[in-house]
N, C-alpha and C. Protein backbone atom coordinates (compact mmCIF):
# COMPACT_ATOMS: atom_id res chain seq x y z
N MET A 1 -2.89 15.54 15.39
CA MET A 1 -2.66 14.95 14.08
C MET A 1 -3.31 15.82 13.02
N ASN A 2 -2.51 16.51 12.23
CA ASN A 2 -3.02 17.47 11.26
C ASN A 2 -3.33 16.79 9.94
N LEU A 3 -4.56 16.95 9.45
CA LEU A 3 -4.96 16.36 8.17
C LEU A 3 -4.70 17.30 6.99
N GLN A 4 -4.08 18.43 7.25
CA GLN A 4 -3.72 19.36 6.18
C GLN A 4 -4.93 19.82 5.35
N LEU A 5 -6.00 20.19 6.04
CA LEU A 5 -7.19 20.70 5.37
C LEU A 5 -7.37 22.18 5.74
N PRO A 6 -7.90 22.99 4.82
CA PRO A 6 -8.04 24.42 5.10
C PRO A 6 -9.10 24.70 6.17
N ASN A 7 -8.99 25.85 6.81
CA ASN A 7 -9.95 26.24 7.85
C ASN A 7 -11.38 26.31 7.33
N LYS A 8 -11.51 26.62 6.04
CA LYS A 8 -12.84 26.72 5.44
C LYS A 8 -13.58 25.38 5.48
N ALA A 9 -12.81 24.28 5.51
CA ALA A 9 -13.41 22.94 5.52
C ALA A 9 -13.75 22.48 6.94
N ARG A 10 -13.30 23.22 7.93
CA ARG A 10 -13.48 22.81 9.33
C ARG A 10 -14.92 23.01 9.78
N VAL A 11 -15.48 21.98 10.42
CA VAL A 11 -16.85 22.05 10.94
C VAL A 11 -16.84 22.06 12.47
N GLN A 12 -16.12 21.11 13.06
CA GLN A 12 -15.95 21.01 14.52
C GLN A 12 -17.31 21.03 15.24
N LYS A 13 -18.15 20.08 14.88
CA LYS A 13 -19.51 20.04 15.43
C LYS A 13 -19.76 18.70 16.12
N PHE A 14 -20.19 18.76 17.37
CA PHE A 14 -20.53 17.56 18.13
C PHE A 14 -21.80 16.93 17.56
N ILE A 15 -21.79 15.59 17.40
CA ILE A 15 -22.97 14.89 16.88
C ILE A 15 -23.54 13.99 17.99
N PRO A 16 -24.76 14.28 18.44
CA PRO A 16 -25.39 13.41 19.45
C PRO A 16 -25.57 12.00 18.90
N LYS A 17 -25.35 10.99 19.73
CA LYS A 17 -25.45 9.60 19.27
C LYS A 17 -26.86 9.26 18.78
N ASN A 18 -27.88 9.83 19.44
CA ASN A 18 -29.26 9.49 19.06
C ASN A 18 -29.65 10.06 17.70
N LYS A 19 -28.80 10.90 17.13
CA LYS A 19 -29.05 11.45 15.78
C LYS A 19 -29.15 10.32 14.77
N PHE A 20 -28.35 9.27 14.98
CA PHE A 20 -28.33 8.14 14.04
C PHE A 20 -29.53 7.21 14.24
N PHE A 21 -30.12 7.22 15.43
CA PHE A 21 -31.26 6.35 15.70
C PHE A 21 -32.49 6.80 14.92
N ALA A 22 -32.59 8.10 14.68
CA ALA A 22 -33.77 8.63 14.00
C ALA A 22 -33.79 8.30 12.52
N LYS A 23 -32.63 7.95 11.96
CA LYS A 23 -32.54 7.73 10.51
C LYS A 23 -32.48 6.26 10.11
N ALA A 24 -32.48 5.36 11.10
CA ALA A 24 -32.38 3.94 10.79
C ALA A 24 -33.04 3.12 11.89
N VAL A 25 -33.39 1.89 11.53
CA VAL A 25 -33.94 0.97 12.52
C VAL A 25 -32.77 0.42 13.34
N VAL A 26 -32.77 0.73 14.62
CA VAL A 26 -31.65 0.36 15.49
C VAL A 26 -32.17 -0.48 16.64
N ASN A 27 -31.62 -1.69 16.79
CA ASN A 27 -32.08 -2.54 17.89
C ASN A 27 -31.44 -2.10 19.21
N SER A 28 -31.93 -2.67 20.30
CA SER A 28 -31.49 -2.23 21.63
C SER A 28 -30.01 -2.52 21.86
N LYS A 29 -29.49 -3.61 21.30
CA LYS A 29 -28.07 -3.93 21.49
C LYS A 29 -27.18 -2.86 20.85
N LEU A 30 -27.56 -2.44 19.64
CA LEU A 30 -26.78 -1.42 18.95
C LEU A 30 -26.84 -0.09 19.71
N LYS A 31 -28.01 0.23 20.24
CA LYS A 31 -28.14 1.44 21.05
C LYS A 31 -27.24 1.36 22.28
N ASP A 32 -27.23 0.19 22.90
CA ASP A 32 -26.36 -0.02 24.08
C ASP A 32 -24.89 0.12 23.71
N ASP A 33 -24.52 -0.40 22.52
CA ASP A 33 -23.13 -0.31 22.07
C ASP A 33 -22.69 1.14 21.90
N PHE A 34 -23.59 1.98 21.40
CA PHE A 34 -23.27 3.41 21.27
C PHE A 34 -22.89 3.99 22.63
N THR A 35 -23.64 3.60 23.66
CA THR A 35 -23.40 4.12 25.01
C THR A 35 -22.15 3.52 25.63
N ILE A 36 -21.99 2.20 25.47
CA ILE A 36 -20.90 1.47 26.12
C ILE A 36 -19.54 1.74 25.45
N LYS A 37 -19.55 1.88 24.12
CA LYS A 37 -18.28 1.89 23.39
C LYS A 37 -17.82 3.27 22.91
N ILE A 38 -18.75 4.21 22.81
CA ILE A 38 -18.39 5.52 22.24
C ILE A 38 -18.56 6.63 23.26
N GLU A 39 -17.50 7.42 23.39
CA GLU A 39 -17.53 8.57 24.30
C GLU A 39 -18.11 9.79 23.60
N LYS A 40 -17.63 10.05 22.37
CA LYS A 40 -18.02 11.29 21.68
C LYS A 40 -17.77 11.16 20.18
N ILE A 41 -18.68 11.74 19.39
CA ILE A 41 -18.51 11.80 17.93
C ILE A 41 -18.49 13.27 17.52
N THR A 42 -17.45 13.66 16.79
CA THR A 42 -17.32 15.05 16.32
C THR A 42 -17.16 15.06 14.80
N TRP A 43 -17.95 15.89 14.15
CA TRP A 43 -17.81 16.11 12.71
C TRP A 43 -16.72 17.17 12.55
N LEU A 44 -15.53 16.74 12.09
CA LEU A 44 -14.38 17.63 12.03
C LEU A 44 -14.34 18.48 10.77
N TYR A 45 -14.49 17.82 9.61
CA TYR A 45 -14.32 18.53 8.33
C TYR A 45 -15.37 18.11 7.32
N LYS A 46 -15.68 19.06 6.44
CA LYS A 46 -16.49 18.78 5.27
C LYS A 46 -15.64 19.12 4.04
N VAL A 47 -15.26 18.08 3.30
CA VAL A 47 -14.42 18.26 2.11
C VAL A 47 -15.35 18.29 0.90
N SER A 48 -15.53 19.48 0.34
CA SER A 48 -16.47 19.65 -0.77
C SER A 48 -15.90 20.67 -1.76
N GLU A 49 -16.61 20.81 -2.87
CA GLU A 49 -16.19 21.79 -3.89
C GLU A 49 -16.14 23.19 -3.30
N GLU A 50 -17.10 23.49 -2.42
CA GLU A 50 -17.18 24.82 -1.82
C GLU A 50 -16.07 25.07 -0.79
N THR A 51 -15.67 24.02 -0.07
CA THR A 51 -14.72 24.23 1.03
C THR A 51 -13.26 24.04 0.63
N VAL A 52 -12.99 23.20 -0.39
CA VAL A 52 -11.59 22.96 -0.77
C VAL A 52 -11.32 23.29 -2.25
N GLY A 53 -12.38 23.63 -2.99
CA GLY A 53 -12.19 24.04 -4.39
C GLY A 53 -11.89 22.91 -5.35
N ILE A 54 -12.21 21.66 -4.95
CA ILE A 54 -12.00 20.51 -5.84
C ILE A 54 -13.35 20.06 -6.37
N PRO A 55 -13.49 19.90 -7.70
CA PRO A 55 -14.80 19.56 -8.29
C PRO A 55 -15.37 18.24 -7.76
N LYS A 56 -16.68 18.24 -7.54
CA LYS A 56 -17.37 17.01 -7.15
C LYS A 56 -17.64 16.17 -8.39
N THR A 57 -18.08 14.94 -8.19
CA THR A 57 -18.48 14.07 -9.30
C THR A 57 -19.86 13.50 -8.98
N LYS A 58 -20.40 12.78 -9.92
CA LYS A 58 -21.71 12.14 -9.72
C LYS A 58 -21.64 11.18 -8.53
N ASN A 59 -20.53 10.47 -8.38
CA ASN A 59 -20.39 9.47 -7.32
C ASN A 59 -19.98 10.06 -5.97
N VAL A 60 -19.20 11.14 -6.02
CA VAL A 60 -18.69 11.72 -4.77
C VAL A 60 -18.91 13.24 -4.77
N GLU A 61 -19.91 13.67 -4.01
CA GLU A 61 -20.22 15.10 -3.91
C GLU A 61 -19.46 15.74 -2.75
N GLU A 62 -19.28 14.99 -1.66
CA GLU A 62 -18.58 15.48 -0.48
C GLU A 62 -17.88 14.31 0.21
N ILE A 63 -16.88 14.63 1.03
CA ILE A 63 -16.25 13.65 1.91
C ILE A 63 -16.25 14.25 3.31
N GLN A 64 -16.75 13.50 4.27
CA GLN A 64 -16.79 13.98 5.64
C GLN A 64 -15.63 13.37 6.44
N VAL A 65 -15.19 14.08 7.47
CA VAL A 65 -14.18 13.55 8.39
C VAL A 65 -14.76 13.58 9.80
N PHE A 66 -14.88 12.41 10.41
CA PHE A 66 -15.41 12.29 11.77
C PHE A 66 -14.31 11.87 12.72
N GLU A 67 -14.35 12.41 13.92
CA GLU A 67 -13.47 11.95 15.00
C GLU A 67 -14.34 11.24 16.04
N ILE A 68 -13.93 10.02 16.40
CA ILE A 68 -14.69 9.24 17.39
C ILE A 68 -13.80 8.89 18.57
N ILE A 69 -14.18 9.38 19.73
CA ILE A 69 -13.47 9.05 20.97
C ILE A 69 -14.09 7.78 21.53
N LEU A 70 -13.28 6.75 21.73
CA LEU A 70 -13.77 5.44 22.17
C LEU A 70 -13.54 5.24 23.67
N LYS A 71 -14.36 4.37 24.24
CA LYS A 71 -14.23 4.03 25.66
C LYS A 71 -13.36 2.79 25.85
N GLU A 72 -13.02 2.11 24.77
CA GLU A 72 -12.12 0.95 24.80
C GLU A 72 -11.35 0.91 23.48
N GLN A 73 -10.22 0.22 23.48
CA GLN A 73 -9.38 0.22 22.28
C GLN A 73 -9.83 -0.85 21.29
N VAL A 74 -11.09 -0.76 20.93
CA VAL A 74 -11.69 -1.66 19.95
C VAL A 74 -12.59 -0.83 19.05
N ILE A 75 -12.40 -0.93 17.75
CA ILE A 75 -13.25 -0.17 16.81
C ILE A 75 -14.60 -0.88 16.71
N PRO A 76 -15.71 -0.20 17.04
CA PRO A 76 -17.04 -0.82 16.98
C PRO A 76 -17.57 -0.86 15.54
N LYS A 77 -17.20 -1.90 14.82
CA LYS A 77 -17.48 -1.94 13.38
C LYS A 77 -18.97 -1.97 13.07
N ASN A 78 -19.77 -2.54 13.96
CA ASN A 78 -21.21 -2.55 13.73
C ASN A 78 -21.78 -1.13 13.78
N ILE A 79 -21.23 -0.30 14.65
CA ILE A 79 -21.67 1.10 14.73
C ILE A 79 -21.23 1.89 13.49
N ILE A 80 -20.01 1.62 13.04
CA ILE A 80 -19.50 2.32 11.85
C ILE A 80 -20.34 1.96 10.63
N THR A 81 -20.74 0.70 10.53
CA THR A 81 -21.61 0.27 9.43
C THR A 81 -22.93 1.02 9.47
N LEU A 82 -23.50 1.18 10.65
CA LEU A 82 -24.76 1.93 10.78
C LEU A 82 -24.58 3.39 10.36
N ILE A 83 -23.52 4.03 10.83
CA ILE A 83 -23.27 5.43 10.46
C ILE A 83 -23.11 5.57 8.96
N ASP A 84 -22.36 4.64 8.35
CA ASP A 84 -22.14 4.72 6.91
C ASP A 84 -23.42 4.51 6.11
N LYS A 85 -24.32 3.70 6.63
CA LYS A 85 -25.59 3.49 5.94
C LYS A 85 -26.54 4.66 6.15
N THR A 86 -26.35 5.38 7.24
CA THR A 86 -27.20 6.53 7.56
C THR A 86 -26.81 7.78 6.77
N ILE A 87 -25.50 7.95 6.57
CA ILE A 87 -24.99 9.16 5.90
C ILE A 87 -24.56 8.79 4.48
N PRO A 88 -25.09 9.47 3.47
CA PRO A 88 -24.82 9.08 2.07
C PRO A 88 -23.40 9.39 1.59
N TYR A 89 -22.69 10.27 2.27
CA TYR A 89 -21.36 10.67 1.81
C TYR A 89 -20.26 9.78 2.39
N PRO A 90 -19.14 9.66 1.70
CA PRO A 90 -18.00 8.93 2.28
C PRO A 90 -17.53 9.61 3.56
N ILE A 91 -17.10 8.79 4.52
CA ILE A 91 -16.62 9.33 5.80
C ILE A 91 -15.26 8.74 6.12
N LEU A 92 -14.30 9.62 6.35
CA LEU A 92 -13.00 9.19 6.88
C LEU A 92 -13.09 9.31 8.40
N TYR A 93 -12.85 8.20 9.08
CA TYR A 93 -12.93 8.18 10.55
C TYR A 93 -11.55 8.27 11.17
N ARG A 94 -11.46 9.05 12.23
CA ARG A 94 -10.25 9.10 13.04
C ARG A 94 -10.65 8.69 14.45
N PHE A 95 -10.16 7.53 14.88
CA PHE A 95 -10.52 6.98 16.18
C PHE A 95 -9.45 7.30 17.21
N PHE A 96 -9.89 7.60 18.43
CA PHE A 96 -8.95 7.81 19.53
C PHE A 96 -9.39 6.99 20.74
N TYR A 97 -8.41 6.36 21.36
CA TYR A 97 -8.61 5.78 22.69
C TYR A 97 -7.40 6.15 23.53
N LYS A 98 -7.60 7.06 24.49
CA LYS A 98 -6.49 7.61 25.29
C LYS A 98 -5.42 8.17 24.35
N ASP A 99 -4.17 7.63 24.39
CA ASP A 99 -3.12 8.16 23.53
C ASP A 99 -2.98 7.38 22.22
N HIS A 100 -3.91 6.49 21.94
CA HIS A 100 -3.83 5.63 20.75
C HIS A 100 -4.79 6.12 19.67
N PHE A 101 -4.42 5.88 18.42
CA PHE A 101 -5.26 6.34 17.31
C PHE A 101 -5.32 5.28 16.20
N ALA A 102 -6.37 5.37 15.40
CA ALA A 102 -6.52 4.50 14.22
C ALA A 102 -7.43 5.23 13.24
N PHE A 103 -7.48 4.74 12.02
CA PHE A 103 -8.32 5.34 10.98
C PHE A 103 -9.22 4.29 10.35
N GLY A 104 -10.28 4.77 9.73
CA GLY A 104 -11.18 3.86 9.02
C GLY A 104 -11.91 4.58 7.91
N ILE A 105 -12.34 3.83 6.92
CA ILE A 105 -13.16 4.40 5.84
C ILE A 105 -13.92 3.26 5.18
N THR A 106 -15.08 3.58 4.62
CA THR A 106 -15.86 2.60 3.86
C THR A 106 -15.92 3.04 2.42
N TYR A 107 -15.59 2.11 1.51
CA TYR A 107 -15.70 2.42 0.09
C TYR A 107 -17.10 2.03 -0.36
N LYS A 108 -17.88 3.02 -0.76
CA LYS A 108 -19.28 2.76 -1.15
C LYS A 108 -19.62 3.45 -2.47
N ILE A 109 -19.20 2.81 -3.56
CA ILE A 109 -19.50 3.29 -4.91
C ILE A 109 -19.86 2.07 -5.76
N ASP A 110 -20.85 2.24 -6.65
CA ASP A 110 -21.25 1.18 -7.60
C ASP A 110 -21.61 -0.12 -6.89
N GLY A 111 -22.34 0.01 -5.79
CA GLY A 111 -22.80 -1.20 -5.10
C GLY A 111 -21.81 -1.80 -4.14
N ASN A 112 -20.57 -1.30 -4.14
CA ASN A 112 -19.58 -1.80 -3.18
C ASN A 112 -19.86 -1.21 -1.80
N PHE A 113 -19.58 -2.00 -0.78
CA PHE A 113 -19.67 -1.52 0.60
C PHE A 113 -18.58 -2.25 1.38
N SER A 114 -17.36 -1.75 1.22
CA SER A 114 -16.19 -2.43 1.80
C SER A 114 -15.55 -1.56 2.87
N ASN A 115 -15.36 -2.14 4.05
CA ASN A 115 -14.77 -1.41 5.18
C ASN A 115 -13.25 -1.59 5.22
N PHE A 116 -12.57 -0.51 5.56
CA PHE A 116 -11.11 -0.53 5.70
C PHE A 116 -10.75 0.11 7.04
N TYR A 117 -9.83 -0.53 7.76
CA TYR A 117 -9.36 0.01 9.04
C TYR A 117 -7.85 -0.13 9.12
N SER A 118 -7.21 0.87 9.71
CA SER A 118 -5.77 0.79 9.91
C SER A 118 -5.47 0.04 11.21
N GLU A 119 -4.21 -0.32 11.39
CA GLU A 119 -3.77 -0.85 12.69
C GLU A 119 -3.70 0.32 13.67
N TRP A 120 -3.77 0.01 14.95
CA TRP A 120 -3.64 1.06 15.95
C TRP A 120 -2.25 1.68 15.92
N ASP A 121 -2.22 3.01 16.01
CA ASP A 121 -0.98 3.78 16.09
C ASP A 121 -0.12 3.67 14.84
N TYR A 122 -0.76 3.30 13.71
CA TYR A 122 -0.03 3.24 12.44
C TYR A 122 -0.36 4.50 11.64
N PRO A 123 0.62 5.37 11.43
CA PRO A 123 0.32 6.65 10.76
C PRO A 123 0.04 6.47 9.28
N LEU A 124 -1.01 7.10 8.81
CA LEU A 124 -1.34 7.11 7.39
C LEU A 124 -1.28 8.55 6.89
N GLU A 125 -0.86 8.73 5.65
CA GLU A 125 -0.76 10.06 5.06
C GLU A 125 -1.85 10.22 4.00
N PHE A 126 -2.76 11.15 4.21
CA PHE A 126 -3.87 11.34 3.28
C PHE A 126 -3.63 12.58 2.43
N GLU A 127 -3.85 12.42 1.13
CA GLU A 127 -3.68 13.52 0.18
C GLU A 127 -5.06 14.03 -0.22
N PHE A 128 -5.35 15.29 0.10
CA PHE A 128 -6.65 15.87 -0.20
C PHE A 128 -6.57 16.81 -1.40
N ASN A 129 -5.74 16.44 -2.36
CA ASN A 129 -5.61 17.27 -3.55
C ASN A 129 -5.58 16.37 -4.79
N ALA A 130 -6.56 16.56 -5.68
CA ALA A 130 -6.62 15.75 -6.91
C ALA A 130 -7.54 16.46 -7.89
N LYS A 131 -7.70 15.83 -9.05
CA LYS A 131 -8.49 16.45 -10.12
C LYS A 131 -9.96 16.59 -9.72
N ASN A 132 -10.47 15.63 -8.96
CA ASN A 132 -11.85 15.71 -8.47
C ASN A 132 -11.97 14.93 -7.16
N LEU A 133 -13.12 15.07 -6.50
CA LEU A 133 -13.31 14.47 -5.18
C LEU A 133 -13.36 12.94 -5.22
N GLU A 134 -13.76 12.38 -6.35
CA GLU A 134 -13.77 10.92 -6.46
C GLU A 134 -12.36 10.36 -6.41
N ILE A 135 -11.43 11.05 -7.06
CA ILE A 135 -10.03 10.61 -7.01
C ILE A 135 -9.45 10.82 -5.62
N VAL A 136 -9.84 11.93 -4.96
CA VAL A 136 -9.41 12.15 -3.57
C VAL A 136 -9.87 10.97 -2.71
N TYR A 137 -11.13 10.59 -2.87
CA TYR A 137 -11.71 9.46 -2.13
C TYR A 137 -10.94 8.17 -2.40
N GLN A 138 -10.68 7.89 -3.66
CA GLN A 138 -9.94 6.68 -4.03
C GLN A 138 -8.53 6.68 -3.45
N ASN A 139 -7.89 7.84 -3.46
CA ASN A 139 -6.53 7.94 -2.91
C ASN A 139 -6.52 7.70 -1.40
N ILE A 140 -7.58 8.16 -0.71
CA ILE A 140 -7.69 7.89 0.73
C ILE A 140 -7.84 6.38 0.97
N VAL A 141 -8.72 5.75 0.19
CA VAL A 141 -8.95 4.31 0.34
C VAL A 141 -7.66 3.53 0.05
N LYS A 142 -6.90 3.97 -0.94
CA LYS A 142 -5.64 3.29 -1.29
C LYS A 142 -4.67 3.21 -0.12
N GLU A 143 -4.71 4.21 0.76
CA GLU A 143 -3.81 4.22 1.93
C GLU A 143 -4.07 3.02 2.85
N PHE A 144 -5.29 2.49 2.81
CA PHE A 144 -5.66 1.36 3.66
C PHE A 144 -5.41 0.01 2.96
N MET A 145 -5.21 0.05 1.64
CA MET A 145 -5.11 -1.19 0.87
C MET A 145 -3.69 -1.72 0.83
N HIS A 146 -3.55 -3.01 0.51
CA HIS A 146 -2.23 -3.56 0.22
C HIS A 146 -1.69 -2.81 -0.99
N LYS A 147 -0.43 -2.49 -0.97
CA LYS A 147 0.17 -1.73 -2.07
C LYS A 147 0.09 -2.54 -3.36
N SER A 148 -0.33 -1.88 -4.42
CA SER A 148 -0.50 -2.56 -5.70
C SER A 148 0.19 -1.77 -6.81
N GLU A 149 0.71 -2.50 -7.78
CA GLU A 149 1.33 -1.87 -8.95
C GLU A 149 0.29 -1.53 -10.02
N LYS A 150 -0.95 -1.97 -9.80
CA LYS A 150 -2.01 -1.73 -10.79
C LYS A 150 -2.32 -0.23 -10.84
N PRO A 151 -2.26 0.38 -12.02
CA PRO A 151 -2.50 1.83 -12.10
C PRO A 151 -3.96 2.22 -11.88
N GLN A 152 -4.88 1.34 -12.29
CA GLN A 152 -6.30 1.65 -12.16
C GLN A 152 -6.79 1.29 -10.76
N PHE A 153 -7.55 2.20 -10.15
CA PHE A 153 -8.04 1.97 -8.79
C PHE A 153 -8.88 0.70 -8.72
N GLU A 154 -9.77 0.50 -9.70
CA GLU A 154 -10.67 -0.65 -9.67
C GLU A 154 -9.89 -1.97 -9.63
N GLU A 155 -8.78 -2.05 -10.39
CA GLU A 155 -7.97 -3.26 -10.42
C GLU A 155 -7.27 -3.47 -9.08
N ALA A 156 -6.72 -2.39 -8.51
CA ALA A 156 -6.05 -2.48 -7.21
C ALA A 156 -7.06 -2.86 -6.13
N PHE A 157 -8.27 -2.33 -6.23
CA PHE A 157 -9.34 -2.63 -5.27
C PHE A 157 -9.70 -4.12 -5.31
N GLU A 158 -9.82 -4.68 -6.52
CA GLU A 158 -10.14 -6.10 -6.67
C GLU A 158 -9.01 -6.97 -6.14
N ASP A 159 -7.78 -6.59 -6.40
CA ASP A 159 -6.62 -7.33 -5.86
C ASP A 159 -6.66 -7.35 -4.34
N ASP A 160 -6.93 -6.18 -3.76
CA ASP A 160 -6.96 -6.08 -2.30
C ASP A 160 -8.06 -6.98 -1.73
N LYS A 161 -9.21 -7.01 -2.42
CA LYS A 161 -10.32 -7.85 -1.97
C LYS A 161 -9.92 -9.33 -2.01
N GLN A 162 -9.25 -9.73 -3.09
CA GLN A 162 -8.81 -11.13 -3.22
C GLN A 162 -7.75 -11.48 -2.17
N ILE A 163 -6.86 -10.55 -1.88
CA ILE A 163 -5.82 -10.78 -0.86
C ILE A 163 -6.46 -11.02 0.50
N LYS A 164 -7.49 -10.23 0.84
CA LYS A 164 -8.17 -10.40 2.13
C LYS A 164 -8.89 -11.75 2.21
N ILE A 165 -9.49 -12.17 1.09
CA ILE A 165 -10.17 -13.47 1.06
C ILE A 165 -9.15 -14.59 1.25
N LEU A 166 -8.00 -14.47 0.57
CA LEU A 166 -6.96 -15.48 0.70
C LEU A 166 -6.39 -15.52 2.12
N GLU A 167 -6.19 -14.35 2.72
CA GLU A 167 -5.69 -14.30 4.10
C GLU A 167 -6.63 -15.06 5.05
N LYS A 168 -7.92 -14.83 4.86
CA LYS A 168 -8.91 -15.50 5.70
C LYS A 168 -8.90 -17.01 5.46
N ASN A 169 -8.84 -17.41 4.18
CA ASN A 169 -8.85 -18.83 3.85
C ASN A 169 -7.59 -19.53 4.36
N ILE A 170 -6.45 -18.86 4.28
CA ILE A 170 -5.18 -19.43 4.77
C ILE A 170 -5.23 -19.64 6.28
N THR A 171 -5.76 -18.64 6.99
CA THR A 171 -5.88 -18.77 8.45
C THR A 171 -6.80 -19.93 8.83
N ASN A 172 -7.95 -20.02 8.14
CA ASN A 172 -8.90 -21.10 8.42
C ASN A 172 -8.29 -22.47 8.13
N LEU A 173 -7.53 -22.56 7.02
CA LEU A 173 -6.91 -23.83 6.65
C LEU A 173 -5.83 -24.25 7.65
N LYS A 174 -5.06 -23.28 8.12
CA LYS A 174 -4.04 -23.57 9.13
C LYS A 174 -4.68 -24.13 10.40
N ASN A 175 -5.82 -23.58 10.78
CA ASN A 175 -6.53 -24.05 11.97
C ASN A 175 -7.05 -25.48 11.76
N ARG A 176 -7.53 -25.75 10.54
CA ARG A 176 -8.01 -27.11 10.23
C ARG A 176 -6.87 -28.12 10.29
N ILE A 177 -5.70 -27.71 9.79
CA ILE A 177 -4.53 -28.61 9.80
C ILE A 177 -4.12 -28.95 11.24
N LYS A 178 -4.19 -27.95 12.12
CA LYS A 178 -3.83 -28.19 13.52
C LYS A 178 -4.74 -29.21 14.18
N LEU A 179 -6.02 -29.18 13.80
CA LEU A 179 -7.01 -30.06 14.41
C LEU A 179 -7.10 -31.43 13.75
N GLU A 180 -6.59 -31.55 12.52
CA GLU A 180 -6.70 -32.81 11.76
C GLU A 180 -5.81 -33.90 12.36
N THR A 181 -6.38 -35.06 12.57
CA THR A 181 -5.62 -36.19 13.17
C THR A 181 -5.22 -37.25 12.14
N GLN A 182 -5.91 -37.29 10.99
CA GLN A 182 -5.59 -38.27 9.95
C GLN A 182 -4.44 -37.77 9.09
N PHE A 183 -3.39 -38.59 8.98
CA PHE A 183 -2.19 -38.17 8.25
C PHE A 183 -2.50 -37.81 6.79
N LYS A 184 -3.26 -38.66 6.10
CA LYS A 184 -3.58 -38.42 4.68
C LYS A 184 -4.33 -37.10 4.50
N ASN A 185 -5.30 -36.89 5.36
CA ASN A 185 -6.06 -35.63 5.28
C ASN A 185 -5.17 -34.42 5.55
N LYS A 186 -4.22 -34.59 6.47
CA LYS A 186 -3.27 -33.51 6.79
C LYS A 186 -2.42 -33.18 5.58
N VAL A 187 -1.98 -34.22 4.86
CA VAL A 187 -1.16 -34.02 3.64
C VAL A 187 -1.97 -33.26 2.59
N ASP A 188 -3.23 -33.68 2.39
CA ASP A 188 -4.10 -33.03 1.39
C ASP A 188 -4.32 -31.55 1.75
N LEU A 189 -4.55 -31.29 3.03
CA LEU A 189 -4.78 -29.91 3.47
C LEU A 189 -3.53 -29.05 3.30
N ASN A 190 -2.36 -29.64 3.55
CA ASN A 190 -1.10 -28.91 3.36
C ASN A 190 -0.85 -28.58 1.90
N GLU A 191 -1.24 -29.49 1.02
CA GLU A 191 -1.11 -29.23 -0.43
C GLU A 191 -2.01 -28.06 -0.82
N GLU A 192 -3.23 -28.07 -0.28
CA GLU A 192 -4.17 -26.97 -0.56
C GLU A 192 -3.63 -25.65 -0.01
N LEU A 193 -3.02 -25.71 1.18
CA LEU A 193 -2.43 -24.51 1.80
C LEU A 193 -1.30 -23.96 0.94
N THR A 194 -0.47 -24.83 0.40
CA THR A 194 0.64 -24.40 -0.47
C THR A 194 0.12 -23.65 -1.69
N LYS A 195 -0.98 -24.16 -2.28
CA LYS A 195 -1.57 -23.51 -3.46
C LYS A 195 -2.11 -22.12 -3.11
N LEU A 196 -2.77 -22.03 -1.95
CA LEU A 196 -3.31 -20.73 -1.53
C LEU A 196 -2.19 -19.72 -1.28
N LYS A 197 -1.10 -20.19 -0.67
CA LYS A 197 0.04 -19.30 -0.40
C LYS A 197 0.69 -18.81 -1.69
N LEU A 198 0.73 -19.67 -2.70
CA LEU A 198 1.27 -19.27 -4.01
C LEU A 198 0.42 -18.18 -4.64
N GLN A 199 -0.91 -18.36 -4.57
CA GLN A 199 -1.83 -17.33 -5.08
C GLN A 199 -1.66 -16.02 -4.33
N TYR A 200 -1.52 -16.15 -3.02
CA TYR A 200 -1.38 -14.97 -2.16
C TYR A 200 -0.10 -14.20 -2.49
N ASN A 201 1.03 -14.92 -2.60
CA ASN A 201 2.32 -14.28 -2.90
C ASN A 201 2.32 -13.67 -4.30
N LYS A 202 1.61 -14.30 -5.22
CA LYS A 202 1.54 -13.78 -6.59
C LYS A 202 0.83 -12.42 -6.61
N LEU A 203 -0.22 -12.30 -5.82
CA LEU A 203 -0.96 -11.03 -5.76
C LEU A 203 -0.15 -9.94 -5.06
N LEU A 204 0.65 -10.34 -4.08
CA LEU A 204 1.45 -9.37 -3.33
C LEU A 204 2.64 -8.86 -4.13
N ASN A 205 3.15 -9.69 -5.04
CA ASN A 205 4.38 -9.32 -5.78
C ASN A 205 4.09 -8.88 -7.20
């Protein structure tokens, strides 16, 4: 899977798992998860002003690309959170399990710390060319978001956040309706569900 980055940006460096233990407080369960769930971590690319010729910004000086070979077809989100907290730069992750692949990235600017993951085997197209590295970063994150007509990244980001909250609330409400035995309560919950679905569809359209 070619990310269309120049050879100058290529690092291709193996990262020992214990490298992350030295930079953060890691409990025994998390250490075990590194061993149980991850086969290998490779630093593939360093996207910076020096390597790709795109100006850095105050918020984004570099973007790293990591490849993680997994031992099971489950993305270990607790491990990704640790890596993202350990390394100050944005990281685009490319996960592999046998012949399957997925992507992930964390948006961490202005106090935000939001994780994004693709579905397995769903191809994403990343554009590594823009006016500056912050826009490159935002464009990468947009690939993971619900498509939005909002021109400003911040507005599209907020819409995506609200959509995810509504998706979670709708799922929870549907489960409550299934378990509810009182007819009146079921009617009230269905009315609430209808309102949430209207909000959800409004954000999507």
